[in-house]
């Protein structure tokens, strides 16, 4: 597993993980337990993917950043 992104907001991290999962990337939320106690973690919540899916995950996140795809809060698991 390799960390591809950090975010200081657990909800944002969950949305990103759900988005990647929906597109076939086996993303996982790390540091989620500490964030249940602290809504904002100074070091951030890490999002990790298998090494062989790193390029695909970065491509998907770049598409979102460039505006060719959108992540909606509805993409996240409840």
PDB file of N, CA and C in Angstrom:
ATOM      1  N   UNK A   1       0.841  -1.181   0.000  1.00  0.00           N
ATOM      2  CA  UNK A   1       0.000   0.000   0.000  1.00  0.00           C
ATOM      3  C   UNK A   1       0.881   1.237   0.000  1.00  0.00           C
ATOM      4  N   UNK A   2       0.394   2.253  -0.684  1.00  0.00           N
ATOM      5  CA  UNK A   2       1.118   3.513  -0.755  1.00  0.00           C
ATOM      6  C   UNK A   2       0.145   4.658  -0.501  1.00  0.00           C
ATOM      7  N   UNK A   3       0.576   5.615   0.306  1.00  0.00           N
ATOM      8  CA  UNK A   3      -0.254   6.783   0.604  1.00  0.00           C
ATOM      9  C   UNK A   3      -0.218   7.711  -0.599  1.00  0.00           C
ATOM     10  N   UNK A   4      -1.401   8.059  -1.111  1.00  0.00           N
ATOM     11  CA  UNK A   4      -1.471   8.930  -2.281  1.00  0.00           C
ATOM     12  C   UNK A   4      -1.989  10.320  -1.961  1.00  0.00           C
ATOM     13  N   UNK A   5      -2.613  10.475  -0.785  1.00  0.00           N
ATOM     14  CA  UNK A   5      -3.184  11.778  -0.446  1.00  0.00           C
ATOM     15  C   UNK A   5      -3.394  11.862   1.057  1.00  0.00           C
ATOM     16  N   UNK A   6      -3.327  13.084   1.559  1.00  0.00           N
ATOM     17  CA  UNK A   6      -3.663  13.387   2.950  1.00  0.00           C
ATOM     18  C   UNK A   6      -4.708  14.493   2.943  1.00  0.00           C
ATOM     19  N   UNK A   7      -5.622  14.411   3.868  1.00  0.00           N
ATOM     20  CA  UNK A   7      -6.611  15.466   4.046  1.00  0.00           C
ATOM     21  C   UNK A   7      -6.841  15.651   5.534  1.00  0.00           C
ATOM     22  N   UNK A   8      -7.195  16.848   5.937  1.00  0.00           N
ATOM     23  CA  UNK A   8      -7.407  17.119   7.356  1.00  0.00           C
ATOM     24  C   UNK A   8      -8.851  16.884   7.775  1.00  0.00           C
ATOM     25  N   UNK A   9      -9.685  16.481   6.842  1.00  0.00           N
ATOM     26  CA  UNK A   9     -11.103  16.301   7.109  1.00  0.00           C
ATOM     27  C   UNK A   9     -11.498  14.868   6.802  1.00  0.00           C
ATOM     28  N   UNK A  10     -12.030  14.161   7.799  1.00  0.00           N
ATOM     29  CA  UNK A  10     -12.380  12.757   7.623  1.00  0.00           C
ATOM     30  C   UNK A  10     -13.486  12.575   6.586  1.00  0.00           C
ATOM     31  N   UNK A  11     -14.474  13.454   6.561  1.00  0.00           N
ATOM     32  CA  UNK A  11     -15.564  13.330   5.595  1.00  0.00           C
ATOM     33  C   UNK A  11     -15.025  13.452   4.166  1.00  0.00           C
ATOM     34  N   UNK A  12     -14.129  14.406   3.945  1.00  0.00           N
ATOM     35  CA  UNK A  12     -13.518  14.562   2.623  1.00  0.00           C
ATOM     36  C   UNK A  12     -12.754  13.288   2.244  1.00  0.00           C
ATOM     37  N   UNK A  13     -12.026  12.734   3.191  1.00  0.00           N
ATOM     38  CA  UNK A  13     -11.266  11.511   2.935  1.00  0.00           C
ATOM     39  C   UNK A  13     -12.193  10.356   2.571  1.00  0.00           C
ATOM     40  N   UNK A  14     -13.311  10.241   3.271  1.00  0.00           N
ATOM     41  CA  UNK A  14     -14.272   9.173   2.970  1.00  0.00           C
ATOM     42  C   UNK A  14     -14.856   9.328   1.567  1.00  0.00           C
ATOM     43  N   UNK A  15     -15.122  10.557   1.169  1.00  0.00           N
ATOM     44  CA  UNK A  15     -15.657  10.808  -0.171  1.00  0.00           C
ATOM     45  C   UNK A  15     -14.637  10.396  -1.221  1.00  0.00           C
ATOM     46  N   UNK A  16     -13.386  10.755  -1.007  1.00  0.00           N
ATOM     47  CA  UNK A  16     -12.325  10.403  -1.962  1.00  0.00           C
ATOM     48  C   UNK A  16     -12.164   8.888  -2.049  1.00  0.00           C
ATOM     49  N   UNK A  17     -12.138   8.212  -0.902  1.00  0.00           N
ATOM     50  CA  UNK A  17     -12.007   6.752  -0.893  1.00  0.00           C
ATOM     51  C   UNK A  17     -13.180   6.109  -1.623  1.00  0.00           C
ATOM     52  N   UNK A  18     -14.384   6.581  -1.363  1.00  0.00           N
ATOM     53  CA  UNK A  18     -15.563   6.029  -2.036  1.00  0.00           C
ATOM     54  C   UNK A  18     -15.505   6.256  -3.540  1.00  0.00           C
ATOM     55  N   UNK A  19     -15.065   7.428  -3.954  1.00  0.00           N
ATOM     56  CA  UNK A  19     -14.922   7.746  -5.369  1.00  0.00           C
ATOM     57  C   UNK A  19     -13.925   6.800  -6.037  1.00  0.00           C
ATOM     58  N   UNK A  20     -12.777   6.627  -5.410  1.00  0.00           N
ATOM     59  CA  UNK A  20     -11.764   5.731  -5.971  1.00  0.00           C
ATOM     60  C   UNK A  20     -12.273   4.293  -6.017  1.00  0.00           C
ATOM     61  N   UNK A  21     -12.931   3.847  -4.949  1.00  0.00           N
ATOM     62  CA  UNK A  21     -13.498   2.498  -4.915  1.00  0.00           C
ATOM     63  C   UNK A  21     -14.500   2.298  -6.042  1.00  0.00           C
ATOM     64  N   UNK A  22     -15.334   3.300  -6.282  1.00  0.00           N
ATOM     65  CA  UNK A  22     -16.347   3.219  -7.333  1.00  0.00           C
ATOM     66  C   UNK A  22     -15.726   3.117  -8.721  1.00  0.00           C
ATOM     67  N   UNK A  23     -14.474   3.550  -8.835  1.00  0.00           N
ATOM     68  CA  UNK A  23     -13.763   3.485 -10.110  1.00  0.00           C
ATOM     69  C   UNK A  23     -12.736   2.355 -10.141  1.00  0.00           C
ATOM     70  N   UNK A  24     -12.914   1.370  -9.278  1.00  0.00           N
ATOM     71  CA  UNK A  24     -12.099   0.171  -9.330  1.00  0.00           C
ATOM     72  C   UNK A  24     -10.777   0.216  -8.592  1.00  0.00           C
ATOM     73  N   UNK A  25     -10.530   1.273  -7.834  1.00  0.00           N
ATOM     74  CA  UNK A  25      -9.289   1.391  -7.065  1.00  0.00           C
ATOM     75  C   UNK A  25      -9.585   0.961  -5.629  1.00  0.00           C
ATOM     76  N   UNK A  26      -8.776   0.068  -5.098  1.00  0.00           N
ATOM     77  CA  UNK A  26      -8.972  -0.464  -3.744  1.00  0.00           C
ATOM     78  C   UNK A  26      -8.370   0.479  -2.699  1.00  0.00           C
ATOM     79  N   UNK A  27      -8.936   1.684  -2.617  1.00  0.00           N
ATOM     80  CA  UNK A  27      -8.443   2.703  -1.688  1.00  0.00           C
ATOM     81  C   UNK A  27      -8.909   2.397  -0.270  1.00  0.00           C
ATOM     82  N   UNK A  28      -8.079   2.803   0.688  1.00  0.00           N
ATOM     83  CA  UNK A  28      -8.401   2.618   2.105  1.00  0.00           C
ATOM     84  C   UNK A  28      -8.132   3.909   2.859  1.00  0.00           C
ATOM     85  N   UNK A  29      -8.941   4.150   3.862  1.00  0.00           N
ATOM     86  CA  UNK A  29      -8.768   5.284   4.746  1.00  0.00           C
ATOM     87  C   UNK A  29      -7.912   4.841   5.925  1.00  0.00           C
ATOM     88  N   UNK A  30      -6.798   5.512   6.117  1.00  0.00           N
ATOM     89  CA  UNK A  30      -5.938   5.238   7.265  1.00  0.00           C
ATOM     90  C   UNK A  30      -6.160   6.338   8.294  1.00  0.00           C
ATOM     91  N   UNK A  31      -5.821   6.106   9.518  1.00  0.00           N
ATOM     92  CA  UNK A  31      -5.945   7.090  10.594  1.00  0.00           C
ATOM     93  C   UNK A  31      -7.397   7.451  10.898  1.00  0.00           C
ATOM     94  N   UNK A  32      -8.345   6.659  10.447  1.00  0.00           N
ATOM     95  CA  UNK A  32      -9.751   6.981  10.644  1.00  0.00           C
ATOM     96  C   UNK A  32     -10.184   6.920  12.089  1.00  0.00           C
ATOM     97  N   UNK A  33      -9.594   6.033  12.893  1.00  0.00           N
ATOM     98  CA  UNK A  33      -9.999   5.900  14.295  1.00  0.00           C
ATOM     99  C   UNK A  33      -9.663   7.140  15.106  1.00  0.00           C
ATOM    100  N   UNK A  34      -8.517   7.732  14.868  1.00  0.00           N
ATOM    101  CA  UNK A  34      -8.154   8.939  15.615  1.00  0.00           C
ATOM    102  C   UNK A  34      -9.072  10.076  15.228  1.00  0.00           C
ATOM    103  N   UNK A  35      -9.515  10.081  13.978  1.00  0.00           N
ATOM    104  CA  UNK A  35     -10.378  11.156  13.519  1.00  0.00           C
ATOM    105  C   UNK A  35     -11.792  11.042  14.076  1.00  0.00           C
ATOM    106  N   UNK A  36     -12.157   9.881  14.591  1.00  0.00           N
ATOM    107  CA  UNK A  36     -13.471   9.752  15.230  1.00  0.00           C
ATOM    108  C   UNK A  36     -13.502  10.572  16.516  1.00  0.00           C
ATOM    109  N   UNK A  37     -12.338  10.763  17.120  1.00  0.00           N
ATOM    110  CA  UNK A  37     -12.231  11.539  18.351  1.00  0.00           C
ATOM    111  C   UNK A  37     -11.932  13.003  18.037  1.00  0.00           C
ATOM    112  N   UNK A  38     -11.030  13.226  17.102  1.00  0.00           N
ATOM    113  CA  UNK A  38     -10.634  14.580  16.710  1.00  0.00           C
ATOM    114  C   UNK A  38     -11.104  14.835  15.279  1.00  0.00           C
ATOM    115  N   UNK A  39     -12.040  15.751  15.062  1.00  0.00           N
ATOM    116  CA  UNK A  39     -12.555  15.968  13.711  1.00  0.00           C
ATOM    117  C   UNK A  39     -11.511  16.507  12.740  1.00  0.00           C
ATOM    118  N   UNK A  40     -10.496  17.194  13.260  1.00  0.00           N
ATOM    119  CA  UNK A  40      -9.413  17.680  12.409  1.00  0.00           C
ATOM    120  C   UNK A  40      -8.107  17.184  13.010  1.00  0.00           C
ATOM    121  N   UNK A  41      -7.370  16.399  12.233  1.00  0.00           N
ATOM    122  CA  UNK A  41      -6.120  15.820  12.709  1.00  0.00           C
ATOM    123  C   UNK A  41      -4.960  16.617  12.131  1.00  0.00           C
ATOM    124  N   UNK A  42      -4.046  17.104  12.965  1.00  0.00           N
ATOM    125  CA  UNK A  42      -2.937  17.925  12.480  1.00  0.00           C
ATOM    126  C   UNK A  42      -2.125  17.270  11.352  1.00  0.00           C
ATOM    127  N   UNK A  43      -1.843  15.985  11.456  1.00  0.00           N
ATOM    128  CA  UNK A  43      -1.064  15.308  10.416  1.00  0.00           C
ATOM    129  C   UNK A  43      -1.894  14.885   9.224  1.00  0.00           C
ATOM    130  N   UNK A  44      -3.185  14.939   9.352  1.00  0.00           N
ATOM    131  CA  UNK A  44      -4.068  14.570   8.263  1.00  0.00           C
ATOM    132  C   UNK A  44      -4.445  13.107   8.281  1.00  0.00           C
ATOM    133  N   UNK A  45      -5.505  12.808   7.561  1.00  0.00           N
ATOM    134  CA  UNK A  45      -5.965  11.443   7.366  1.00  0.00           C
ATOM    135  C   UNK A  45      -5.347  10.965   6.062  1.00  0.00           C
ATOM    136  N   UNK A  46      -4.740   9.792   6.099  1.00  0.00           N
ATOM    137  CA  UNK A  46      -4.064   9.275   4.909  1.00  0.00           C
ATOM    138  C   UNK A  46      -4.995   8.382   4.099  1.00  0.00           C
ATOM    139  N   UNK A  47      -4.866   8.501   2.790  1.00  0.00           N
ATOM    140  CA  UNK A  47      -5.588   7.640   1.857  1.00  0.00           C
ATOM    141  C   UNK A  47      -4.534   6.817   1.132  1.00  0.00           C
ATOM    142  N   UNK A  48      -4.699   5.495   1.185  1.00  0.00           N
ATOM    143  CA  UNK A  48      -3.703   4.597   0.593  1.00  0.00           C
ATOM    144  C   UNK A  48      -4.360   3.685  -0.432  1.00  0.00           C
ATOM    145  N   UNK A  49      -3.553   3.278  -1.404  1.00  0.00           N
ATOM    146  CA  UNK A  49      -4.001   2.349  -2.445  1.00  0.00           C
ATOM    147  C   UNK A  49      -2.905   1.307  -2.658  1.00  0.00           C
ATOM    148  N   UNK A  50      -3.249   0.150  -3.250  1.00  0.00           N
ATOM    149  CA  UNK A  50      -2.206  -0.819  -3.585  1.00  0.00           C
ATOM    150  C   UNK A  50      -1.187  -0.184  -4.543  1.00  0.00           C
ATOM    151  N   UNK A  51       0.051  -0.580  -4.401  1.00  0.00           N
ATOM    152  CA  UNK A  51       1.121  -0.006  -5.224  1.00  0.00           C
ATOM    153  C   UNK A  51       0.793  -0.033  -6.712  1.00  0.00           C
ATOM    154  N   UNK A  52       0.212  -1.134  -7.179  1.00  0.00           N
ATOM    155  CA  UNK A  52      -0.044  -1.268  -8.612  1.00  0.00           C
ATOM    156  C   UNK A  52      -1.236  -0.437  -9.091  1.00  0.00           C
ATOM    157  N   UNK A  53      -1.954   0.231  -8.173  1.00  0.00           N
ATOM    158  CA  UNK A  53      -3.078   1.088  -8.558  1.00  0.00           C
ATOM    159  C   UNK A  53      -2.783   2.571  -8.328  1.00  0.00           C
ATOM    160  N   UNK A  54      -1.551   2.871  -7.963  1.00  0.00           N
ATOM    161  CA  UNK A  54      -1.180   4.258  -7.674  1.00  0.00           C
ATOM    162  C   UNK A  54      -1.406   5.176  -8.875  1.00  0.00           C
ATOM    163  N   UNK A  55      -0.941   4.787 -10.043  1.00  0.00           N
ATOM    164  CA  UNK A  55      -1.074   5.630 -11.235  1.00  0.00           C
ATOM    165  C   UNK A  55      -2.542   5.879 -11.567  1.00  0.00           C
ATOM    166  N   UNK A  56      -3.369   4.842 -11.480  1.00  0.00           N
ATOM    167  CA  UNK A  56      -4.793   4.985 -11.766  1.00  0.00           C
ATOM    168  C   UNK A  56      -5.446   5.939 -10.762  1.00  0.00           C
ATOM    169  N   UNK A  57      -5.100   5.812  -9.493  1.00  0.00           N
ATOM    170  CA  UNK A  57      -5.670   6.676  -8.464  1.00  0.00           C
ATOM    171  C   UNK A  57      -5.281   8.132  -8.699  1.00  0.00           C
ATOM    172  N   UNK A  58      -4.014   8.380  -9.009  1.00  0.00           N
ATOM    173  CA  UNK A  58      -3.565   9.751  -9.281  1.00  0.00           C
ATOM    174  C   UNK A  58      -4.266  10.313 -10.513  1.00  0.00           C
ATOM    175  N   UNK A  59      -4.451   9.480 -11.531  1.00  0.00           N
ATOM    176  CA  UNK A  59      -5.129   9.932 -12.746  1.00  0.00           C
ATOM    177  C   UNK A  59      -6.556  10.362 -12.419  1.00  0.00           C
ATOM    178  N   UNK A  60      -7.261   9.544 -11.644  1.00  0.00           N
ATOM    179  CA  UNK A  60      -8.638   9.868 -11.262  1.00  0.00           C
ATOM    180  C   UNK A  60      -8.701  11.156 -10.439  1.00  0.00           C
ATOM    181  N   UNK A  61      -7.807  11.307  -9.491  1.00  0.00           N
ATOM    182  CA  UNK A  61      -7.809  12.514  -8.668  1.00  0.00           C
ATOM    183  C   UNK A  61      -7.434  13.745  -9.485  1.00  0.00           C
ATOM    184  N   UNK A  62      -6.530  13.591 -10.446  1.00  0.00           N
ATOM    185  CA  UNK A  62      -6.179  14.707 -11.328  1.00  0.00           C
ATOM    186  C   UNK A  62      -7.351  15.116 -12.205  1.00  0.00           C
ATOM    187  N   UNK A  63      -8.133  14.145 -12.665  1.00  0.00           N
ATOM    188  CA  UNK A  63      -9.320  14.452 -13.460  1.00  0.00           C
ATOM    189  C   UNK A  63     -10.299  15.291 -12.651  1.00  0.00           C
ATOM    190  N   UNK A  64     -10.461  14.954 -11.385  1.00  0.00           N
ATOM    191  CA  UNK A  64     -11.354  15.716 -10.515  1.00  0.00           C
ATOM    192  C   UNK A  64     -10.804  17.128 -10.329  1.00  0.00           C
ATOM    193  N   UNK A  65      -9.517  17.229 -10.062  1.00  0.00           N
ATOM    194  CA  UNK A  65      -8.896  18.528  -9.827  1.00  0.00           C
ATOM    195  C   UNK A  65      -8.991  19.417 -11.071  1.00  0.00           C
ATOM    196  N   UNK A  66      -8.872  18.813 -12.243  1.00  0.00           N
ATOM    197  CA  UNK A  66      -8.935  19.577 -13.492  1.00  0.00           C
ATOM    198  C   UNK A  66     -10.357  19.855 -13.950  1.00  0.00           C
ATOM    199  N   UNK A  67     -11.340  19.281 -13.260  1.00  0.00           N
ATOM    200  CA  UNK A  67     -12.725  19.567 -13.569  1.00  0.00           C
ATOM    201  C   UNK A  67     -13.377  18.664 -14.582  1.00  0.00           C
ATOM    202  N   UNK A  68     -12.674  17.646 -15.073  1.00  0.00           N
ATOM    203  CA  UNK A  68     -13.294  16.757 -16.049  1.00  0.00           C
ATOM    204  C   UNK A  68     -14.178  15.703 -15.385  1.00  0.00           C
ATOM    205  N   UNK A  69     -14.041  15.531 -14.067  1.00  0.00           N
ATOM    206  CA  UNK A  69     -14.898  14.663 -13.264  1.00  0.00           C
ATOM    207  C   UNK A  69     -15.267  15.419 -11.997  1.00  0.00           C
ATOM    208  N   UNK A  70     -16.333  15.000 -11.351  1.00  0.00           N
ATOM    209  CA  UNK A  70     -16.746  15.643 -10.103  1.00  0.00           C
ATOM    210  C   UNK A  70     -16.965  14.597  -9.032  1.00  0.00           C
ATOM    211  N   UNK A  71     -16.604  14.942  -7.817  1.00  0.00           N
ATOM    212  CA  UNK A  71     -16.889  14.097  -6.658  1.00  0.00           C
ATOM    213  C   UNK A  71     -18.010  14.791  -5.900  1.00  0.00           C
ATOM    214  N   UNK A  72     -19.071  14.063  -5.638  1.00  0.00           N
ATOM    215  CA  UNK A  72     -20.197  14.597  -4.888  1.00  0.00           C
ATOM    216  C   UNK A  72     -20.248  13.951  -3.523  1.00  0.00           C
ATOM    217  N   UNK A  73     -20.773  14.676  -2.541  1.00  0.00           N
ATOM    218  CA  UNK A  73     -20.894  14.099  -1.204  1.00  0.00           C
ATOM    219  C   UNK A  73     -21.747  12.847  -1.223  1.00  0.00           C
ATOM    220  N   UNK A  74     -22.631  12.729  -2.173  1.00  0.00           N
ATOM    221  CA  UNK A  74     -23.457  11.532  -2.296  1.00  0.00           C
ATOM    222  C   UNK A  74     -22.662  10.289  -2.658  1.00  0.00           C
ATOM    223  N   UNK A  75     -21.411  10.475  -3.111  1.00  0.00           N
ATOM    224  CA  UNK A  75     -20.548   9.345  -3.449  1.00  0.00           C
ATOM    225  C   UNK A  75     -20.044   8.611  -2.222  1.00  0.00           C
ATOM    226  N   UNK A  76     -20.083   9.274  -1.066  1.00  0.00           N
ATOM    227  CA  UNK A  76     -19.532   8.688   0.163  1.00  0.00           C
ATOM    228  C   UNK A  76     -20.518   7.712   0.776  1.00  0.00           C
ATOM    229  N   UNK A  77     -19.974   6.702   1.427  1.00  0.00           N
ATOM    230  CA  UNK A  77     -20.804   5.783   2.176  1.00  0.00           C
ATOM    231  C   UNK A  77     -21.387   6.518   3.377  1.00  0.00           C
ATOM    232  N   UNK A  78     -22.585   6.134   3.824  1.00  0.00           N
ATOM    233  CA  UNK A  78     -23.184   6.817   4.988  1.00  0.00           C
ATOM    234  C   UNK A  78     -22.401   6.599   6.254  1.00  0.00           C
TER     235      UNK A  78
END
